[in-house]
Amino acid sequence: MTDDYKLGYQNGQLDTLMDLGYKLYTMAEPLLLKKSTEQKLTTEENTRLETLNKIAKWVKEKEETEDD
């Protein structure tokens, strides 16, 4: 019973992280498109993109940790 609970918890954590990663991608996509086409972002947009990248890096690290 305990092992099933632990596995369910881990699977739930991984699903949550994957969902967060998808949301981050959705939020960053317009900024990345603008950066690639116009070669520039406003200071606010650049800050937003940097923040999204930091969060995405953290999510990736957590996903790798959950896989162990």
C-alpha atoms as a PDB file:
ATOM      1  CA  MET A   1       0.000   0.000   0.000  1.00  0.00           C
ATOM      2  CA  THR A   2       2.776   2.433   0.899  1.00  0.00           C
ATOM      3  CA  ASP A   3       4.687   1.711  -2.309  1.00  0.00           C
ATOM      4  CA  ASP A   4       1.544   2.337  -4.384  1.00  0.00           C
ATOM      5  CA  TYR A   5       0.971   5.631  -2.599  1.00  0.00           C
ATOM      6  CA  LYS A   6       4.593   6.688  -3.137  1.00  0.00           C
ATOM      7  CA  LEU A   7       4.462   5.757  -6.829  1.00  0.00           C
ATOM      8  CA  GLY A   8       1.188   7.638  -7.250  1.00  0.00           C
ATOM      9  CA  TYR A   9       2.663  10.685  -5.554  1.00  0.00           C
ATOM     10  CA  GLN A  10       5.770  10.595  -7.766  1.00  0.00           C
ATOM     11  CA  ASN A  11       3.690  10.167 -10.907  1.00  0.00           C
ATOM     12  CA  GLY A  12       1.511  13.093  -9.853  1.00  0.00           C
ATOM     13  CA  GLN A  13       4.569  15.248  -9.244  1.00  0.00           C
ATOM     14  CA  LEU A  14       5.998  14.381 -12.651  1.00  0.00           C
ATOM     15  CA  ASP A  15       2.666  15.091 -14.369  1.00  0.00           C
ATOM     16  CA  THR A  16       2.483  18.463 -12.630  1.00  0.00           C
ATOM     17  CA  LEU A  17       6.024  19.346 -13.692  1.00  0.00           C
ATOM     18  CA  MET A  18       5.334  18.324 -17.287  1.00  0.00           C
ATOM     19  CA  ASP A  19       2.173  20.436 -17.307  1.00  0.00           C
ATOM     20  CA  LEU A  20       4.113  23.391 -15.949  1.00  0.00           C
ATOM     21  CA  GLY A  21       6.752  22.901 -18.638  1.00  0.00           C
ATOM     22  CA  TYR A  22       4.063  22.990 -21.326  1.00  0.00           C
ATOM     23  CA  LYS A  23       2.584  26.186 -19.878  1.00  0.00           C
ATOM     24  CA  LEU A  24       6.031  27.804 -19.779  1.00  0.00           C
ATOM     25  CA  TYR A  25       6.590  26.879 -23.416  1.00  0.00           C
ATOM     26  CA  THR A  26       3.216  28.371 -24.341  1.00  0.00           C
ATOM     27  CA  MET A  27       4.072  31.599 -22.507  1.00  0.00           C
ATOM     28  CA  ALA A  28       7.584  31.847 -23.976  1.00  0.00           C
ATOM     29  CA  GLU A  29       6.725  30.993 -27.577  1.00  0.00           C
ATOM     30  CA  PRO A  30       5.496  34.475 -28.632  1.00  0.00           C
ATOM     31  CA  LEU A  31       8.585  36.071 -27.081  1.00  0.00           C
ATOM     32  CA  LEU A  32      10.902  33.644 -28.853  1.00  0.00           C
ATOM     33  CA  LEU A  33       9.152  34.252 -32.169  1.00  0.00           C
ATOM     34  CA  LYS A  34       9.453  38.005 -31.757  1.00  0.00           C
ATOM     35  CA  LYS A  35      13.106  37.694 -30.804  1.00  0.00           C
ATOM     36  CA  SER A  36      13.870  35.524 -33.841  1.00  0.00           C
ATOM     37  CA  THR A  37      11.995  37.732 -36.326  1.00  0.00           C
ATOM     38  CA  GLU A  38      12.688  41.221 -35.003  1.00  0.00           C
ATOM     39  CA  GLN A  39      16.018  40.402 -33.319  1.00  0.00           C
ATOM     40  CA  LYS A  40      15.023  42.450 -30.273  1.00  0.00           C
ATOM     41  CA  LEU A  41      12.790  42.510 -27.235  1.00  0.00           C
ATOM     42  CA  THR A  42      11.801  45.306 -24.907  1.00  0.00           C
ATOM     43  CA  THR A  43      13.407  45.303 -21.472  1.00  0.00           C
ATOM     44  CA  GLU A  44      10.177  43.973 -19.961  1.00  0.00           C
ATOM     45  CA  GLU A  45       9.896  41.194 -22.557  1.00  0.00           C
ATOM     46  CA  ASN A  46      13.536  40.237 -22.099  1.00  0.00           C
ATOM     47  CA  THR A  47      13.090  40.053 -18.333  1.00  0.00           C
ATOM     48  CA  ARG A  48       9.971  37.914 -18.774  1.00  0.00           C
ATOM     49  CA  LEU A  49      11.810  35.545 -21.124  1.00  0.00           C
ATOM     50  CA  GLU A  50      14.788  35.251 -18.766  1.00  0.00           C
ATOM     51  CA  THR A  51      12.451  34.456 -15.877  1.00  0.00           C
ATOM     52  CA  LEU A  52      10.596  31.826 -17.916  1.00  0.00           C
ATOM     53  CA  ASN A  53      13.928  30.260 -18.887  1.00  0.00           C
ATOM     54  CA  LYS A  54      15.045  30.086 -15.252  1.00  0.00           C
ATOM     55  CA  ILE A  55      11.784  28.442 -14.230  1.00  0.00           C
ATOM     56  CA  ALA A  56      11.993  26.024 -17.170  1.00  0.00           C
ATOM     57  CA  LYS A  57      15.525  25.051 -16.144  1.00  0.00           C
ATOM     58  CA  TRP A  58      14.311  24.372 -12.605  1.00  0.00           C
ATOM     59  CA  VAL A  59      11.406  22.284 -13.950  1.00  0.00           C
ATOM     60  CA  LYS A  60      13.791  20.238 -16.093  1.00  0.00           C
ATOM     61  CA  GLU A  61      16.044  19.579 -13.099  1.00  0.00           C
ATOM     62  CA  LYS A  62      13.045  18.486 -11.020  1.00  0.00           C
ATOM     63  CA  GLU A  63      11.802  16.181 -13.794  1.00  0.00           C
ATOM     64  CA  GLU A  64      15.220  14.535 -13.944  1.00  0.00           C
ATOM     65  CA  THR A  65      15.226  14.158 -10.154  1.00  0.00           C
ATOM     66  CA  GLU A  66      11.745  12.593 -10.193  1.00  0.00           C
ATOM     67  CA  ASP A  67      12.895  10.051 -12.794  1.00  0.00           C
ATOM     68  CA  ASP A  68      15.551   8.703 -10.411  1.00  0.00           C
END
